[in-house]
Amino acid sequence: MSVDLVGTDVGTAFGELFSLVKEVVRTVAVFRDELVKIASTLDSIVPIMEDINEFNKRLDRKDMGQIQALINGATDLVRKCSKIKAFNWYKRYTHSKKLTEFDAKLAREFQLSVPLMGMRNTVEILGEVMELREEFREYRSSQANDGALQSGLGASGNLVVPEAPDFIIGSELEASLRKLKGQLLEEGMSVIVVTAPGGCGKTTLLAKLCHDMDIKGKFNNNIMFIRVSKKLNLTDIVQKMIQHKNFRVPTIETEDLAVHYLQQLLEKIGQNPVLLVLDDVWTESKSFLDKFVFKKIKDYKIVVTSRYEFPDVSFVHHLNPLNNGEALELFRRSVTVDNRSMVVPDDDLVEQVVNRCKGLPLALTVVAKSLQGKDRSFWETKLLDWSEGRSLLRSDTDILDCLRKSLDDLDGDSSIKERFMDLSSFPEDRKIPATALIDMWVELYKLDFNGIRAVSDLHKLVYRNLADLVITRRDLSDDEDRSYSSHYVMQHDLLRDLAIMDCKQGEVEKRKRLFLDLTGNNFPDWWSEQKQPTLGARLVSISTDGTFSTHWPNLQLPEAEALVLNFEINSQTKTYALPEFIEKADKLKALIVTNYSFFLAELHNFHVIGSNLRRMRLERVTVPLLSMGKLRLHNLQKISFFMCDIGRASTSNDAKISDAMPNLVELDIDYCNDLVTLPDGICEIKPLRKLSITNCHNFSELPEQIGQSAALEVVRLNSCTDLSLLPDSIGTLQKLISLNISDCLNLSALPHQIGQLVNLKRINMKGCLRLSELPRSIVKLRNLRKVVCDKEKEVLWGPLKSSLNVLNIIASEEEASLDWLRD
């Protein structure tokens, strides 16, 4: 588009900038992505600049001076960028950031200075939303035949770099960081192994390195961080890598085919530098590591962390423990509370404790938390306990011994020790959904229905450094609504090993927990068709891999109250059958079924689920919601579907789902993109208090029958991008306390009947871009206490705010992020 703006200094400056940007985009590749975005922004401003040219006398000269200064500064910036060489990673990173900041500031300035810009921005954003939604539909449709669910969320994990700590302690770690950074900034293909005992901080070091601005500046979006663990699956990893780079994910049936697709991917993305981190590789996986080496790429780095050495790798970096001074510093930081100084025993006693940890960061932090707030006699007792064991930590066994002794005091807080042991129900190096833990703990330990105490216990584990909490997306309403769908737990593999070792003590029939990790069709000696023991475990976890194909032998579980089934599927069959022995587990109250494969699994044998079940969570499976009407889950109080296909019509005459689950209190449906509307039978479940349908991008209609759900207190519909309206009958929900419609991009109006929600206390409408007015009936919401909305929507609540002083309006100024549309 030509720019012909004359008659104003601003117009002339704007035209010069636009011409320069287009010229640099054509001739310089280094900042092409950023400049293309700026060109697009400038192009969208052209009509407004023409208005300025015509009506400039009406505009504030001060504002015009600010805009001209901004444009002139940008012109200088673009000229500088055009001279930066490709190999200057530091300047590439800093100037890329400046270009991005200018693009955002340009949009803000015009929005503030020119009233027309607000409407134009809204139209553009909506246009982008519609394009993204259409792109999402096409992308999902292209995967439908294979049954793939393209998302980096959930049990299958993603390749995003974990969060890095704000600081690291130790000259050894800092020196390692500098050395590794220098190696990564060099051009070429190389494999680097970082080796150290467990708990030395290998993963932390690599996370910190990947977040370094020079490293990010060089590798940009080509950084992939893969947690490998002992039980690796090359096919699954390659599929996630392909997905991570937004390419169509194929069905991969063999490792040879996986290597072929891996090389294809590397060829496609290898025009730019590539950094691949393989975290926690075991010594028997050396052949696995070799498959990632691909020398055709000009600048390709593979960094491996391992407890073991790989002799034939050229670059091996040994990460040593902290020295005494550094260990003392980390220990003192960890033993304090919220950075407040607290009384600890004398330095000699502290040094004795620290010396027992031998400079291992994991041991230091765990031991410090176990001693926090204790008196001198407790510290001395602990030292005596440790002195009876090994004095040096030369191996993982020694480290585990140290950790075990530091955890003995958890016996004084039995609830925390029990929760710590329970974390090992889930596979190594996987994100554990907090909602799964809550479901399990509520039933095992008879906690409150909403899981408030369960969440408190989880935070105690995190506080003691026995687990890490990862929050993938923050929502201002989550805590108030007791929704933790974006909360995940990670556990260090050494701590997991410790818990499993403790759980395996004693005869198998008498254990409180039974954790089985099956490879292929290999069952333990005590379990076969001929041996079918009666077990006393209250918590049972069974994990199977993609080669499992046999019939389940019978298992007697008369005391089991929680069953966790973790599985991977065969890429050809893509099915999973619930074990028949569930049918006789009469005390079973919580069932958690998780598919860790890339593709969805068709779930069979639902008939074995007994009527005593109270909670069920299903992840990455195909199970038509309507077909569940044939079940008899009369005690079921909560059911959760995460990344499932549940909208498929059933071929049989199904009974009403309200008959199958007449006492359901909470229904959670998240990232189930084949769901278009809610079956009418759901609305006939009288006790239903919580309804959560979130991130379901094809969900377009809440049925009119929703008004029958008179007990509803919480309704969450956030990020349902196809939802265009709420039914009038929503006004009959007299008990509704919280309504979340945030990021419902297509929602253009609220029903007049919303004013009838006399007990509504909270509403979140952030990101509802098409919602431009509110019904007058909002003045009747006399109990409303909190509104979350975008900054420009704050004025809509003026009529209610003026008469309701207690109303708290939280106006978000964050720019709308549409990345989640591509989940």
Foldseek 3Di string as FASTA:
>chain_A
DQQDADDDPLSVLLNVLLVLLVVLCVPPDLLNVLSVLLNVLSVLCRVVSVVCSVPVVVFDVVLSVVSSVLSVVVSVLSVVVSPDDNLPLVVSLVSSVVSNVSSVVNLVSCVVGPVVSVVSVLVVVLVVVVVLLVVQVVLVVVCVVLQFQQDCDDFLHAFDQDAADPDDFAPLLVVVLVVVLVVQSDKAEAEAEEAAAAQQCPSNSVSVSCPPSSNCSQCPLQEGEAEADDDGDLQQVLQRVCSSVPHRRDQDFDVVVSLVSLQVVCVVPLVGAHEYEYEADEPVCPVVVVSNGDRPRGGYYYYYYYNDDDVVGPHYHYRAAHPQVRLLVLLLCLLDDPPDHDDDDDPVLSSLLSQQQVRRNLLSNLLSLLCRPPDPVVSVVLSVVSVVDDSDPPHLVSNLVSNVSSCVCCVVVVVLLVLLLVVLLDDAPTWAQLVQSLLVCCFVVVDDPLSPVVVVSVVVCVSSVQKPKDFPDDDPCCVVVSHRRRITIHGRVSSSVSSVVVQPPDDQQEGQEAEEEDEACDDDPQFDLVHADAHAHQEYHYEYEQNHDDAHRAHHDQNHQEYEYEYEHNSVQQEDEDHLNLLNNVNHAEYEYEYNGSRAHEYDDPQSHDQNHAEYEYERYEDAPQQLQQAANANHAEYEYYLYAHNDDDPDDGHQNCRNHLRHAEYYYENRQNAAEDPLSVLQNANHAYYAHELRQNHAAYDLSVLSNQNHAYYHYDNNQNHAEYHLSVLNNQNHAEYEHALNQNHQAYDLSVLSNQNHAEYEHANNSNHDAYHPSVLSNQNHQEYEYAPVCPVRCVVNCVVHVNHDYHHDPDDDDPPSSND
